[in-house]
Protein backbone atom coordinates (compact mmCIF):
# COMPACT_ATOMS: atom_id res chain seq x y z
CA MET A 1 -7.32 -9.96 -13.28
CA THR A 2 -5.59 -8.32 -10.33
CA ALA A 3 -2.34 -6.36 -10.65
CA PHE A 4 -1.77 -5.84 -6.92
CA SER A 5 -3.31 -7.63 -3.96
CA VAL A 6 -2.60 -5.94 -0.63
CA GLN A 7 -3.56 -7.68 2.61
CA ASN A 8 -3.48 -6.09 6.09
CA LEU A 9 -0.55 -3.77 5.29
CA ASN A 10 0.97 -1.86 8.24
CA LEU A 11 4.01 0.40 8.29
CA TYR A 12 5.61 2.04 11.30
CA TYR A 13 8.32 4.69 11.50
CA GLY A 14 9.45 4.08 15.07
CA ASP A 15 6.32 4.59 17.20
CA PHE A 16 4.42 6.41 14.43
CA GLN A 17 2.05 4.23 12.39
CA ALA A 18 2.10 5.60 8.84
CA LEU A 19 -0.16 2.91 7.28
CA LYS A 20 -2.82 1.01 9.18
CA SER A 21 -4.42 -2.27 8.05
CA ILE A 22 -4.70 -1.56 4.32
CA THR A 23 -6.48 -4.28 2.35
CA LEU A 24 -6.97 -3.51 -1.33
CA GLU A 25 -7.19 -5.16 -4.75
CA ILE A 26 -5.93 -3.06 -7.65
CA PRO A 27 -7.24 -4.32 -11.00
CA ALA A 28 -4.90 -4.80 -13.95
CA ARG A 29 -5.19 -2.58 -17.03
CA GLN A 30 -7.26 0.09 -15.28
CA ILE A 31 -6.43 3.53 -13.98
CA THR A 32 -6.43 3.71 -10.20
CA ALA A 33 -6.20 6.99 -8.28
CA LEU A 34 -5.21 7.48 -4.65
CA ILE A 35 -6.76 10.60 -3.17
CA GLY A 36 -6.70 12.05 0.31
CA PRO A 37 -5.41 14.92 2.40
CA SER A 38 -1.76 15.80 2.84
CA GLY A 39 0.04 13.44 5.20
CA CYS A 40 -2.45 10.55 4.99
CA GLY A 41 0.03 8.02 3.54
CA LYS A 42 -0.59 8.06 -0.22
CA SER A 43 3.08 8.38 -1.18
CA THR A 44 4.15 5.94 1.53
CA PHE A 45 1.70 3.37 0.17
CA LEU A 46 3.05 3.83 -3.37
CA ARG A 47 6.60 3.45 -2.04
CA CYS A 48 5.55 0.11 -0.51
CA LEU A 49 4.12 -1.04 -3.85
CA ASN A 50 7.41 -0.09 -5.56
CA ARG A 51 9.44 -1.84 -2.81
CA LEU A 52 11.13 1.40 -1.78
CA GLU A 53 9.71 0.92 1.74
CA THR A 54 9.43 -2.37 3.62
CA PRO A 55 6.09 -2.82 5.38
CA THR A 56 6.15 -3.76 9.06
CA SER A 57 3.49 -6.41 8.51
CA GLY A 58 1.06 -7.61 5.86
CA SER A 59 1.60 -8.73 2.30
CA ILE A 60 1.77 -7.26 -1.20
CA LYS A 61 1.38 -9.58 -4.16
CA PHE A 62 2.02 -8.48 -7.74
CA GLU A 63 0.07 -10.39 -10.40
CA GLY A 64 -0.61 -13.26 -8.02
């Protein structure tokens, strides 16, 4: 079972591309960690999942 299904997610702040072509399946009832260096878009991606940011293109589906 999939909790989140992310397809080709892109997010721009003006001319700056914060997220580029993210495609990811996050399984339900499992711990998922996002790791990476400072400024790579981890928090921005989480804000998109929580609908605090609106992606420029792509789709996010929650539980189908």
